[in-house]
C-alpha atoms as a PDB file:
ATOM      1  CA  MET A   1      -2.848 -13.342   6.836  1.00  0.00           C
ATOM      2  CA  LEU A   2      -4.992 -10.467   7.272  1.00  0.00           C
ATOM      3  CA  PHE A   3      -3.078  -8.101   5.089  1.00  0.00           C
ATOM      4  CA  SER A   4      -1.271  -8.244   2.388  1.00  0.00           C
ATOM      5  CA  ILE A   5       0.698  -4.758   1.614  1.00  0.00           C
ATOM      6  CA  VAL A   6       1.565  -4.221  -2.334  1.00  0.00           C
ATOM      7  CA  MET A   7       4.963  -2.731  -3.020  1.00  0.00           C
ATOM      8  CA  PRO A   8       6.146  -1.663  -6.467  1.00  0.00           C
ATOM      9  CA  VAL A   9       9.802  -1.592  -5.943  1.00  0.00           C
ATOM     10  CA  TYR A  10      12.244   0.470  -9.128  1.00  0.00           C
ATOM     11  CA  ASN A  11      15.353   2.085  -7.861  1.00  0.00           C
ATOM     12  CA  SER A  12      14.456   2.756  -4.810  1.00  0.00           C
ATOM     13  CA  GLY A  13      17.165   1.383  -2.553  1.00  0.00           C
ATOM     14  CA  LEU A  14      18.054   4.711  -0.949  1.00  0.00           C
ATOM     15  CA  TYR A  15      14.642   4.547   1.351  1.00  0.00           C
ATOM     16  CA  LEU A  16      13.531   0.926   0.592  1.00  0.00           C
ATOM     17  CA  SER A  17      14.763  -0.541   4.347  1.00  0.00           C
ATOM     18  CA  GLU A  18      12.901   2.660   6.018  1.00  0.00           C
ATOM     19  CA  ALA A  19       9.583   1.517   4.040  1.00  0.00           C
ATOM     20  CA  ILE A  20       9.539  -2.160   4.825  1.00  0.00           C
ATOM     21  CA  ASP A  21      10.800  -1.893   8.247  1.00  0.00           C
ATOM     22  CA  SER A  22       7.700   0.751   9.131  1.00  0.00           C
ATOM     23  CA  ILE A  23       5.432  -1.949   8.178  1.00  0.00           C
ATOM     24  CA  ILE A  24       7.890  -5.029   9.935  1.00  0.00           C
ATOM     25  CA  ASP A  25       7.606  -2.556  12.960  1.00  0.00           C
ATOM     26  CA  GLN A  26       3.949  -1.953  13.381  1.00  0.00           C
ATOM     27  CA  THR A  27       2.294  -1.960  16.716  1.00  0.00           C
ATOM     28  CA  PHE A  28      -0.211  -5.206  15.318  1.00  0.00           C
ATOM     29  CA  ASN A  29       1.795  -8.183  14.832  1.00  0.00           C
ATOM     30  CA  PHE A  30       3.948  -7.862  11.882  1.00  0.00           C
ATOM     31  CA  GLU A  31       4.693 -11.864  11.533  1.00  0.00           C
ATOM     32  CA  GLU A  32       1.548 -12.770  11.980  1.00  0.00           C
ATOM     33  CA  ASN A  33      -0.937 -10.585  10.284  1.00  0.00           C
ATOM     34  CA  ILE A  34       0.849  -9.077   7.609  1.00  0.00           C
ATOM     35  CA  GLU A  35       2.819 -10.086   4.280  1.00  0.00           C
ATOM     36  CA  ILE A  36       4.376  -8.060   1.845  1.00  0.00           C
ATOM     37  CA  ILE A  37       4.328  -8.229  -1.217  1.00  0.00           C
ATOM     38  CA  LEU A  38       7.271  -6.626  -3.468  1.00  0.00           C
ATOM     39  CA  ILE A  39       7.635  -6.101  -7.334  1.00  0.00           C
ATOM     40  CA  GLU A  40      10.840  -5.624  -7.977  1.00  0.00           C
ATOM     41  CA  ASN A  41      10.873  -3.824 -11.359  1.00  0.00           C
ATOM     42  CA  ASN A  42      13.992  -4.761 -13.048  1.00  0.00           C
ATOM     43  CA  SER A  43      15.936  -2.465 -11.129  1.00  0.00           C
ATOM     44  CA  ILE A  44      19.474  -1.203 -11.648  1.00  0.00           C
ATOM     45  CA  ASP A  45      20.541  -0.169  -7.905  1.00  0.00           C
ATOM     46  CA  ASN A  46      20.594  -1.858  -4.699  1.00  0.00           C
ATOM     47  CA  SER A  47      16.471  -3.176  -4.322  1.00  0.00           C
ATOM     48  CA  LYS A  48      16.816  -6.396  -5.691  1.00  0.00           C
ATOM     49  CA  ASN A  49      19.359  -7.099  -2.980  1.00  0.00           C
ATOM     50  CA  ILE A  50      17.141  -5.133  -0.385  1.00  0.00           C
ATOM     51  CA  CYS A  51      14.218  -7.246  -1.468  1.00  0.00           C
ATOM     52  CA  GLU A  52      16.095 -10.561  -1.242  1.00  0.00           C
ATOM     53  CA  LYS A  53      17.620  -9.616   2.436  1.00  0.00           C
ATOM     54  CA  TYR A  54      13.773  -8.853   3.968  1.00  0.00           C
ATOM     55  CA  ALA A  55      12.542 -12.155   2.310  1.00  0.00           C
ATOM     56  CA  THR A  56      15.666 -14.735   3.474  1.00  0.00           C
ATOM     57  CA  ALA A  57      14.624 -12.883   7.111  1.00  0.00           C
ATOM     58  CA  PHE A  58      10.761 -13.549   7.094  1.00  0.00           C
ATOM     59  CA  PRO A  59      10.081 -15.884   4.666  1.00  0.00           C
ATOM     60  CA  ASN A  60       6.292 -16.118   5.684  1.00  0.00           C
ATOM     61  CA  ASN A  61       5.713 -12.544   5.349  1.00  0.00           C
ATOM     62  CA  ILE A  62       7.708 -11.350   2.291  1.00  0.00           C
ATOM     63  CA  LYS A  63       7.363 -12.375  -0.796  1.00  0.00           C
ATOM     64  CA  ILE A  64       8.936 -11.092  -4.065  1.00  0.00           C
ATOM     65  CA  ILE A  65       7.769 -11.109  -8.078  1.00  0.00           C
ATOM     66  CA  TYR A  66      10.602 -10.293 -10.441  1.00  0.00           C
ATOM     67  CA  GLN A  67       9.001  -8.135 -12.956  1.00  0.00           C
ATOM     68  CA  ASP A  68      11.166  -7.433 -16.348  1.00  0.00           C
ATOM     69  CA  THR A  69       8.857  -4.417 -17.606  1.00  0.00           C
ATOM     70  CA  PRO A  70       9.750  -1.287 -14.716  1.00  0.00           C
ATOM     71  CA  ASN A  71       5.465  -0.294 -15.319  1.00  0.00           C
ATOM     72  CA  VAL A  72       4.391   0.389 -11.507  1.00  0.00           C
ATOM     73  CA  SER A  73       1.129  -0.118 -12.759  1.00  0.00           C
ATOM     74  CA  LEU A  74       1.423  -3.443 -13.775  1.00  0.00           C
ATOM     75  CA  ALA A  75       3.580  -4.314 -10.449  1.00  0.00           C
ATOM     76  CA  ARG A  76       0.359  -3.043  -8.463  1.00  0.00           C
ATOM     77  CA  ASN A  77      -2.256  -5.848 -11.290  1.00  0.00           C
ATOM     78  CA  ASN A  78       0.920  -8.521 -10.484  1.00  0.00           C
ATOM     79  CA  GLY A  79       0.749  -7.895  -6.541  1.00  0.00           C
ATOM     80  CA  LEU A  80      -2.562  -8.380  -6.357  1.00  0.00           C
ATOM     81  CA  LYS A  81      -2.578 -11.813  -7.586  1.00  0.00           C
ATOM     82  CA  PHE A  82      -0.385 -12.852  -4.853  1.00  0.00           C
ATOM     83  CA  CYS A  83      -2.741 -11.594  -2.490  1.00  0.00           C
ATOM     84  CA  GLU A  84      -5.182 -14.915  -2.229  1.00  0.00           C
ATOM     85  CA  ASN A  85      -6.007 -15.254   1.390  1.00  0.00           C
ATOM     86  CA  SER A  86      -6.067 -11.749   3.056  1.00  0.00           C
ATOM     87  CA  GLU A  87      -8.883 -10.100   4.029  1.00  0.00           C
ATOM     88  CA  PHE A  88      -7.466  -6.583   3.202  1.00  0.00           C
ATOM     89  CA  ILE A  89      -5.118  -5.458   1.033  1.00  0.00           C
ATOM     90  CA  GLY A  90      -2.755  -2.082   0.843  1.00  0.00           C
ATOM     91  CA  PHE A  91      -1.018   0.082  -0.695  1.00  0.00           C
ATOM     92  CA  ILE A  92       2.371   1.195   0.314  1.00  0.00           C
ATOM     93  CA  ASP A  93       4.811   2.342  -1.989  1.00  0.00           C
ATOM     94  CA  SER A  94       8.229   1.408  -1.563  1.00  0.00           C
ATOM     95  CA  ASP A  95       9.054   5.326  -0.564  1.00  0.00           C
ATOM     96  CA  ASP A  96       6.359   5.393   1.587  1.00  0.00           C
ATOM     97  CA  LYS A  97       6.875   4.799   5.131  1.00  0.00           C
ATOM     98  CA  ILE A  98       3.400   4.493   7.546  1.00  0.00           C
ATOM     99  CA  SER A  99       3.261   4.852  11.205  1.00  0.00           C
ATOM    100  CA  PRO A 100       3.764   2.628  14.197  1.00  0.00           C
ATOM    101  CA  ASN A 101       0.126   1.620  14.807  1.00  0.00           C
ATOM    102  CA  ALA A 102      -1.368   2.488  11.009  1.00  0.00           C
ATOM    103  CA  ILE A 103      -2.474  -0.600  10.457  1.00  0.00           C
ATOM    104  CA  ALA A 104      -4.318  -1.528  13.908  1.00  0.00           C
ATOM    105  CA  GLU A 105      -6.463   1.959  13.195  1.00  0.00           C
ATOM    106  CA  VAL A 106      -6.765   0.722   9.739  1.00  0.00           C
ATOM    107  CA  LEU A 107      -8.206  -2.354  11.455  1.00  0.00           C
ATOM    108  CA  LYS A 108     -10.234  -0.763  14.071  1.00  0.00           C
ATOM    109  CA  PHE A 109     -11.854   1.438  11.083  1.00  0.00           C
ATOM    110  CA  PHE A 110     -12.668  -1.524   8.709  1.00  0.00           C
ATOM    111  CA  LYS A 111     -14.455  -3.768  11.927  1.00  0.00           C
ATOM    112  CA  LYS A 112     -16.372  -0.585  13.246  1.00  0.00           C
ATOM    113  CA  HIS A 113     -17.778   0.387   9.677  1.00  0.00           C
ATOM    114  CA  THR A 114     -18.643  -2.898   8.331  1.00  0.00           C
ATOM    115  CA  ASP A 115     -20.067  -1.338   5.530  1.00  0.00           C
ATOM    116  CA  ILE A 116     -17.246   0.513   4.014  1.00  0.00           C
ATOM    117  CA  ASN A 117     -14.385  -0.675   1.271  1.00  0.00           C
ATOM    118  CA  LEU A 118     -12.091   1.547   1.540  1.00  0.00           C
ATOM    119  CA  ALA A 119      -9.461   3.407   3.809  1.00  0.00           C
ATOM    120  CA  VAL A 120      -7.113   5.960   4.001  1.00  0.00           C
ATOM    121  CA  LEU A 121      -4.412   7.479   6.122  1.00  0.00           C
ATOM    122  CA  PRO A 122      -2.648  10.399   5.944  1.00  0.00           C
ATOM    123  CA  LEU A 123       0.472  11.384   4.040  1.00  0.00           C
ATOM    124  CA  PHE A 124       3.212  13.124   5.301  1.00  0.00           C
ATOM    125  CA  PHE A 125       7.014  13.609   3.945  1.00  0.00           C
ATOM    126  CA  PHE A 126      10.302  12.204   4.806  1.00  0.00           C
ATOM    127  CA  ASP A 127      14.141  12.786   4.753  1.00  0.00           C
ATOM    128  CA  ASN A 128      14.952  15.977   2.494  1.00  0.00           C
ATOM    129  CA  LYS A 129      11.231  17.090   2.725  1.00  0.00           C
ATOM    130  CA  SER A 130       9.003  17.920   6.024  1.00  0.00           C
ATOM    131  CA  GLY A 131       5.712  18.240   6.951  1.00  0.00           C
ATOM    132  CA  GLU A 132       2.348  16.967   5.479  1.00  0.00           C
ATOM    133  CA  HIS A 133       1.353  16.428   2.012  1.00  0.00           C
ATOM    134  CA  SER A 134      -1.110  18.831   0.125  1.00  0.00           C
ATOM    135  CA  LEU A 135      -3.719  16.175   0.529  1.00  0.00           C
ATOM    136  CA  ASN A 136      -4.336  15.706   3.947  1.00  0.00           C
ATOM    137  CA  TYR A 137      -6.894  18.820   3.850  1.00  0.00           C
ATOM    138  CA  ARG A 138      -9.260  15.940   3.408  1.00  0.00           C
ATOM    139  CA  PHE A 139      -8.783  14.757   6.857  1.00  0.00           C
ATOM    140  CA  LYS A 140      -8.843  18.070   8.173  1.00  0.00           C
ATOM    141  CA  SER A 141     -12.740  18.273   9.691  1.00  0.00           C
ATOM    142  CA  ASN A 142     -12.539  14.943  11.539  1.00  0.00           C
ATOM    143  CA  LYS A 143     -14.987  13.038   9.272  1.00  0.00           C
ATOM    144  CA  ASN A 144     -13.776   9.723   8.947  1.00  0.00           C
ATOM    145  CA  ILE A 145     -16.168   8.783   6.317  1.00  0.00           C
ATOM    146  CA  VAL A 146     -16.327  10.571   3.290  1.00  0.00           C
ATOM    147  CA  ASN A 147     -18.902   9.696   0.438  1.00  0.00           C
ATOM    148  CA  ILE A 148     -16.854  10.779  -2.808  1.00  0.00           C
ATOM    149  CA  THR A 149     -20.300  10.722  -4.465  1.00  0.00           C
ATOM    150  CA  ASP A 150     -21.912  13.535  -2.644  1.00  0.00           C
ATOM    151  CA  ASN A 151     -17.898  15.646  -1.462  1.00  0.00           C
ATOM    152  CA  TYR A 152     -16.260  15.183  -4.798  1.00  0.00           C
ATOM    153  CA  SER A 153     -13.363  17.086  -3.531  1.00  0.00           C
ATOM    154  CA  SER A 154     -12.567  14.426  -1.218  1.00  0.00           C
ATOM    155  CA  VAL A 155     -10.791  12.062  -3.860  1.00  0.00           C
ATOM    156  CA  HIS A 156      -8.395  10.253  -3.079  1.00  0.00           C
ATOM    157  CA  TYR A 157      -5.503  10.637  -5.730  1.00  0.00           C
ATOM    158  CA  HIS A 158      -2.509   9.112  -4.097  1.00  0.00           C
ATOM    159  CA  ILE A 159      -2.853   4.983  -4.052  1.00  0.00           C
ATOM    160  CA  GLY A 160       0.242   5.178  -1.218  1.00  0.00           C
ATOM    161  CA  GLY A 161      -1.522   4.835   1.728  1.00  0.00           C
ATOM    162  CA  THR A 162      -4.729   3.064   0.596  1.00  0.00           C
ATOM    163  CA  PHE A 163      -6.366   0.104   1.844  1.00  0.00           C
ATOM    164  CA  PHE A 164      -9.561  -1.920   0.589  1.00  0.00           C
ATOM    165  CA  ARG A 165     -10.968  -5.348   1.759  1.00  0.00           C
ATOM    166  CA  LYS A 166     -10.151  -7.918  -1.132  1.00  0.00           C
ATOM    167  CA  LYS A 167     -13.824  -9.060  -1.642  1.00  0.00           C
ATOM    168  CA  ALA A 168     -14.620  -5.551  -2.799  1.00  0.00           C
ATOM    169  CA  ILE A 169     -11.670  -5.903  -5.443  1.00  0.00           C
ATOM    170  CA  ASP A 170     -12.606  -9.387  -6.444  1.00  0.00           C
ATOM    171  CA  ARG A 171     -16.035  -8.491  -6.429  1.00  0.00           C
ATOM    172  CA  LEU A 172     -15.867  -5.201  -8.606  1.00  0.00           C
ATOM    173  CA  GLY A 173     -12.429  -6.591  -9.896  1.00  0.00           C
ATOM    174  CA  ILE A 174     -10.866  -4.102  -9.457  1.00  0.00           C
ATOM    175  CA  SER A 175      -7.327  -3.472 -11.400  1.00  0.00           C
ATOM    176  CA  PHE A 176      -4.675  -0.767 -12.285  1.00  0.00           C
ATOM    177  CA  ASN A 177      -4.697   0.619 -16.045  1.00  0.00           C
ATOM    178  CA  GLU A 178      -0.867  -0.878 -17.041  1.00  0.00           C
ATOM    179  CA  GLN A 179      -1.118   2.198 -19.946  1.00  0.00           C
ATOM    180  CA  MET A 180      -0.949   4.194 -16.969  1.00  0.00           C
ATOM    181  CA  ASP A 181       2.819   4.134 -16.084  1.00  0.00           C
ATOM    182  CA  PHE A 182       4.086   6.812 -13.654  1.00  0.00           C
ATOM    183  CA  LEU A 183       0.897   6.756 -11.488  1.00  0.00           C
ATOM    184  CA  GLY A 184      -2.475   3.774 -10.877  1.00  0.00           C
ATOM    185  CA  ARG A 185      -5.493   5.223 -10.750  1.00  0.00           C
ATOM    186  CA  CYS A 186      -8.371   3.112  -8.994  1.00  0.00           C
ATOM    187  CA  PHE A 187     -12.314   4.425  -8.699  1.00  0.00           C
ATOM    188  CA  ILE A 188     -14.733   2.380  -6.351  1.00  0.00           C
ATOM    189  CA  TYR A 189     -17.770   3.120  -7.423  1.00  0.00           C
END
């Protein structure tokens, strides 16, 4: 697949379908170009059943990894192990959804900027909250590219909605700190 989306899942049954559907319903052909790696973290709600329903409906595009320990960083690392044939890897959380043209725009960006290895999408709330995420101020300048070594106030602190070229992840040996149970961090130099 061209894109692998790594999605840790833990007790997110209330919104998991909405997150997965936002990836399936992309304007960019899902069945030909996108796979979702669901890492089910031993949820106690109906998340496991939802994951299995989608994996049954899309057996060529959706894989489930079962993980006994609910640790989001470990889940992301385990998900990365199953992205062996992808050109791009994205991280979408199970409580996030993306706009219908998000992946097409990410691909367009990477094709235009062949020397850049990381793309970030703006974040928006849904359901009980509305509006933009506070981190979106970085997208207001109309700059498509930010060099974080020069403009350190634009560092992205949220992995959801972040896409990487797989070759950069492989070359740099990027992984998530599994001691950080709530928020995984990844640094690109």
